[in-house]
N, C-alpha and C. Protein backbone atom coordinates (compact mmCIF):
# COMPACT_ATOMS: atom_id res chain seq x y z
N MET A 1 -68.59 8.16 -16.07
CA MET A 1 -68.00 9.37 -16.54
C MET A 1 -67.20 9.99 -15.44
N TRP A 2 -66.01 10.41 -15.72
CA TRP A 2 -65.05 10.98 -14.80
C TRP A 2 -64.74 12.42 -15.10
N ARG A 3 -64.56 13.18 -14.07
CA ARG A 3 -63.97 14.52 -14.19
C ARG A 3 -63.13 14.71 -12.96
N GLU A 4 -61.96 15.39 -13.20
CA GLU A 4 -61.11 15.74 -12.12
C GLU A 4 -61.01 17.28 -12.03
N TRP A 5 -61.09 17.81 -10.82
CA TRP A 5 -61.05 19.26 -10.65
C TRP A 5 -60.36 19.56 -9.36
N GLU A 6 -59.24 20.17 -9.36
CA GLU A 6 -58.48 20.65 -8.19
C GLU A 6 -58.28 19.53 -7.21
N GLY A 7 -57.90 18.34 -7.65
CA GLY A 7 -57.59 17.26 -6.77
C GLY A 7 -58.79 16.42 -6.27
N GLU A 8 -59.98 16.77 -6.74
CA GLU A 8 -61.15 15.98 -6.41
C GLU A 8 -61.65 15.35 -7.68
N TYR A 9 -62.25 14.18 -7.56
CA TYR A 9 -62.67 13.39 -8.71
C TYR A 9 -64.21 13.24 -8.58
N PHE A 10 -64.88 13.53 -9.65
CA PHE A 10 -66.34 13.50 -9.73
C PHE A 10 -66.67 12.28 -10.63
N VAL A 11 -67.45 11.38 -10.19
CA VAL A 11 -67.82 10.14 -10.86
C VAL A 11 -69.35 10.12 -10.97
N TYR A 12 -69.84 10.00 -12.19
CA TYR A 12 -71.33 9.90 -12.38
C TYR A 12 -71.62 8.43 -12.53
N ASP A 13 -72.58 7.97 -11.69
CA ASP A 13 -73.00 6.55 -11.78
C ASP A 13 -74.44 6.54 -12.48
N PRO A 14 -74.48 6.18 -13.76
CA PRO A 14 -75.75 6.23 -14.48
C PRO A 14 -76.78 5.21 -13.97
N ALA A 15 -76.28 4.12 -13.34
CA ALA A 15 -77.22 3.14 -12.85
C ALA A 15 -78.11 3.69 -11.72
N TRP A 16 -77.53 4.61 -10.88
CA TRP A 16 -78.25 5.20 -9.77
C TRP A 16 -78.61 6.69 -10.04
N GLY A 17 -78.05 7.27 -11.10
CA GLY A 17 -78.29 8.67 -11.39
C GLY A 17 -77.67 9.61 -10.40
N LYS A 18 -76.52 9.16 -9.85
CA LYS A 18 -75.84 10.02 -8.78
C LYS A 18 -74.46 10.34 -9.17
N THR A 19 -74.00 11.50 -8.67
CA THR A 19 -72.63 11.91 -8.86
C THR A 19 -71.95 11.81 -7.49
N HIS A 20 -70.76 11.23 -7.49
CA HIS A 20 -69.99 11.03 -6.26
C HIS A 20 -68.70 11.85 -6.33
N VAL A 21 -68.32 12.42 -5.24
CA VAL A 21 -67.03 13.15 -5.15
C VAL A 21 -66.04 12.24 -4.42
N LEU A 22 -64.94 11.92 -5.05
CA LEU A 22 -63.94 11.03 -4.51
C LEU A 22 -62.61 11.75 -4.33
N ASN A 23 -61.82 11.29 -3.36
CA ASN A 23 -60.45 11.81 -3.23
C ASN A 23 -59.54 11.01 -4.18
N GLU A 24 -58.28 11.35 -4.21
CA GLU A 24 -57.36 10.77 -5.16
C GLU A 24 -57.18 9.23 -4.94
N ALA A 25 -57.17 8.81 -3.67
CA ALA A 25 -56.97 7.40 -3.43
C ALA A 25 -58.21 6.57 -3.84
N SER A 26 -59.37 7.03 -3.54
CA SER A 26 -60.61 6.35 -3.98
C SER A 26 -60.70 6.29 -5.50
N ALA A 27 -60.39 7.40 -6.15
CA ALA A 27 -60.41 7.47 -7.64
C ALA A 27 -59.40 6.46 -8.23
N LEU A 28 -58.22 6.37 -7.62
CA LEU A 28 -57.17 5.44 -8.14
C LEU A 28 -57.64 3.98 -7.98
N ILE A 29 -58.23 3.66 -6.84
CA ILE A 29 -58.74 2.32 -6.58
C ILE A 29 -59.84 1.99 -7.63
N LEU A 30 -60.77 2.91 -7.82
CA LEU A 30 -61.86 2.65 -8.73
C LEU A 30 -61.33 2.50 -10.16
N ARG A 31 -60.39 3.31 -10.54
CA ARG A 31 -59.80 3.17 -11.94
C ARG A 31 -59.08 1.85 -12.07
N LEU A 32 -58.31 1.43 -11.07
CA LEU A 32 -57.56 0.18 -11.17
C LEU A 32 -58.48 -1.04 -11.23
N THR A 33 -59.65 -0.91 -10.62
CA THR A 33 -60.55 -2.07 -10.62
C THR A 33 -61.66 -1.99 -11.73
N ALA A 34 -61.61 -0.99 -12.53
CA ALA A 34 -62.65 -0.84 -13.54
C ALA A 34 -62.69 -2.03 -14.51
N GLY A 35 -63.77 -2.75 -14.42
CA GLY A 35 -63.98 -3.84 -15.42
C GLY A 35 -63.12 -5.10 -15.20
N GLN A 36 -62.42 -5.18 -14.01
CA GLN A 36 -61.55 -6.33 -13.82
C GLN A 36 -61.43 -6.60 -12.33
N ALA A 37 -61.11 -7.84 -12.03
CA ALA A 37 -60.86 -8.26 -10.61
C ALA A 37 -59.44 -7.95 -10.29
N VAL A 38 -59.22 -7.23 -9.15
CA VAL A 38 -57.90 -6.91 -8.71
C VAL A 38 -57.90 -7.26 -7.24
N ASP A 39 -56.81 -7.93 -6.78
CA ASP A 39 -56.80 -8.30 -5.34
C ASP A 39 -56.23 -7.16 -4.50
N GLU A 40 -56.45 -7.24 -3.22
CA GLU A 40 -56.06 -6.17 -2.30
C GLU A 40 -54.59 -5.94 -2.29
N GLU A 41 -53.80 -6.99 -2.49
CA GLU A 41 -52.34 -6.80 -2.44
C GLU A 41 -51.88 -5.98 -3.69
N GLU A 42 -52.50 -6.18 -4.79
CA GLU A 42 -52.10 -5.38 -5.96
C GLU A 42 -52.51 -3.94 -5.75
N LEU A 43 -53.69 -3.73 -5.21
CA LEU A 43 -54.14 -2.32 -4.95
C LEU A 43 -53.19 -1.70 -3.94
N GLU A 44 -52.83 -2.40 -2.90
CA GLU A 44 -51.93 -1.93 -1.90
C GLU A 44 -50.56 -1.49 -2.52
N GLY A 45 -50.08 -2.33 -3.42
CA GLY A 45 -48.84 -2.02 -4.16
C GLY A 45 -48.93 -0.72 -4.90
N HIS A 46 -50.03 -0.48 -5.60
CA HIS A 46 -50.16 0.78 -6.34
C HIS A 46 -50.22 2.01 -5.35
N LEU A 47 -50.93 1.87 -4.24
CA LEU A 47 -50.99 2.91 -3.23
C LEU A 47 -49.67 3.15 -2.56
N LEU A 48 -48.92 2.07 -2.29
CA LEU A 48 -47.64 2.21 -1.64
C LEU A 48 -46.64 2.90 -2.52
N ALA A 49 -46.78 2.75 -3.82
CA ALA A 49 -45.87 3.38 -4.78
C ALA A 49 -46.02 4.91 -4.72
N LYS A 50 -47.19 5.39 -4.28
CA LYS A 50 -47.42 6.87 -4.13
C LYS A 50 -47.25 7.39 -2.78
N ALA A 51 -47.02 6.48 -1.75
CA ALA A 51 -46.90 6.85 -0.31
C ALA A 51 -45.44 7.08 0.08
N GLU A 52 -45.35 7.66 1.23
CA GLU A 52 -44.06 7.88 1.82
C GLU A 52 -43.49 6.52 2.29
N PRO A 53 -42.14 6.41 2.28
CA PRO A 53 -41.49 5.15 2.79
C PRO A 53 -41.97 4.85 4.21
N GLY A 54 -42.21 3.56 4.50
CA GLY A 54 -42.57 3.14 5.82
C GLY A 54 -44.06 3.33 6.17
N ALA A 55 -44.88 3.57 5.16
CA ALA A 55 -46.29 3.89 5.45
C ALA A 55 -47.17 2.68 5.14
N ARG A 56 -46.67 1.49 5.13
CA ARG A 56 -47.45 0.29 4.78
C ARG A 56 -48.66 0.17 5.71
N GLU A 57 -48.47 0.22 6.98
CA GLU A 57 -49.60 0.04 7.93
C GLU A 57 -50.71 1.07 7.73
N LEU A 58 -50.35 2.31 7.50
CA LEU A 58 -51.32 3.35 7.21
C LEU A 58 -52.02 3.16 5.87
N VAL A 59 -51.24 2.74 4.85
CA VAL A 59 -51.84 2.55 3.56
C VAL A 59 -52.83 1.39 3.61
N THR A 60 -52.43 0.31 4.33
CA THR A 60 -53.35 -0.81 4.48
C THR A 60 -54.67 -0.40 5.14
N ALA A 61 -54.60 0.33 6.21
CA ALA A 61 -55.80 0.80 6.84
C ALA A 61 -56.67 1.66 5.99
N HIS A 62 -56.04 2.58 5.25
CA HIS A 62 -56.80 3.44 4.37
C HIS A 62 -57.43 2.65 3.22
N LEU A 63 -56.69 1.66 2.68
CA LEU A 63 -57.26 0.83 1.63
C LEU A 63 -58.50 0.10 2.08
N ILE A 64 -58.45 -0.45 3.24
CA ILE A 64 -59.68 -1.11 3.76
C ILE A 64 -60.81 -0.15 3.88
N ASN A 65 -60.59 1.05 4.34
CA ASN A 65 -61.65 2.06 4.44
C ASN A 65 -62.16 2.52 3.12
N HIS A 66 -61.26 2.73 2.14
CA HIS A 66 -61.66 3.19 0.84
C HIS A 66 -62.47 2.09 0.11
N LEU A 67 -62.09 0.83 0.24
CA LEU A 67 -62.83 -0.27 -0.37
C LEU A 67 -64.28 -0.33 0.23
N ALA A 68 -64.35 -0.26 1.53
CA ALA A 68 -65.65 -0.28 2.14
C ALA A 68 -66.54 0.92 1.72
N HIS A 69 -65.91 2.07 1.62
CA HIS A 69 -66.64 3.28 1.15
C HIS A 69 -67.17 3.10 -0.26
N LEU A 70 -66.31 2.59 -1.18
CA LEU A 70 -66.75 2.44 -2.53
C LEU A 70 -67.78 1.34 -2.71
N GLU A 71 -67.73 0.30 -1.82
CA GLU A 71 -68.78 -0.69 -1.79
C GLU A 71 -70.13 -0.10 -1.31
N ASP A 72 -70.07 0.76 -0.30
CA ASP A 72 -71.28 1.36 0.24
C ASP A 72 -71.96 2.26 -0.81
N LEU A 73 -71.14 2.86 -1.70
CA LEU A 73 -71.67 3.71 -2.76
C LEU A 73 -72.12 2.91 -3.96
N PHE A 74 -71.90 1.59 -3.93
CA PHE A 74 -72.23 0.65 -5.05
C PHE A 74 -71.36 0.97 -6.25
N LEU A 75 -70.19 1.51 -6.06
CA LEU A 75 -69.22 1.76 -7.17
C LEU A 75 -68.28 0.64 -7.35
N LEU A 76 -68.25 -0.24 -6.33
CA LEU A 76 -67.35 -1.39 -6.34
C LEU A 76 -68.12 -2.59 -5.79
N VAL A 77 -67.99 -3.70 -6.48
CA VAL A 77 -68.68 -4.98 -6.06
C VAL A 77 -67.56 -5.93 -5.62
N PRO A 78 -67.71 -6.38 -4.36
CA PRO A 78 -66.70 -7.31 -3.88
C PRO A 78 -66.70 -8.60 -4.64
N GLU A 79 -65.50 -9.23 -4.75
CA GLU A 79 -65.38 -10.50 -5.46
C GLU A 79 -66.30 -11.55 -4.85
N GLY A 80 -66.96 -12.31 -5.70
CA GLY A 80 -67.85 -13.39 -5.24
C GLY A 80 -69.28 -12.94 -5.10
N ARG A 81 -69.55 -11.61 -5.18
CA ARG A 81 -70.92 -11.18 -5.10
C ARG A 81 -71.40 -10.67 -6.45
N ILE A 82 -72.59 -11.05 -6.83
CA ILE A 82 -73.12 -10.65 -8.10
C ILE A 82 -74.35 -9.84 -7.85
N ASP A 83 -74.34 -8.58 -8.37
CA ASP A 83 -75.54 -7.73 -8.28
C ASP A 83 -76.40 -7.94 -9.48
N ILE A 84 -77.68 -8.16 -9.24
CA ILE A 84 -78.60 -8.37 -10.36
C ILE A 84 -79.61 -7.22 -10.39
């Protein structure tokens, strides 16, 4: 379940019974990966489309941090790992 309010995104995870507050980049990544495998290059392209020109290095660093954060929250499962 998603809700957006004043630039923050609230995501309820029924499996854990927790609500998470995400910023726009994390919410975009989570929406793009919902129910499907998406590689990092594709995610980077979506983020670059919203970024300032010349920001590739910064976007790449942020993408890595956002992916790790979403994995830590169990909102994103890395490819090749199956949670049972």
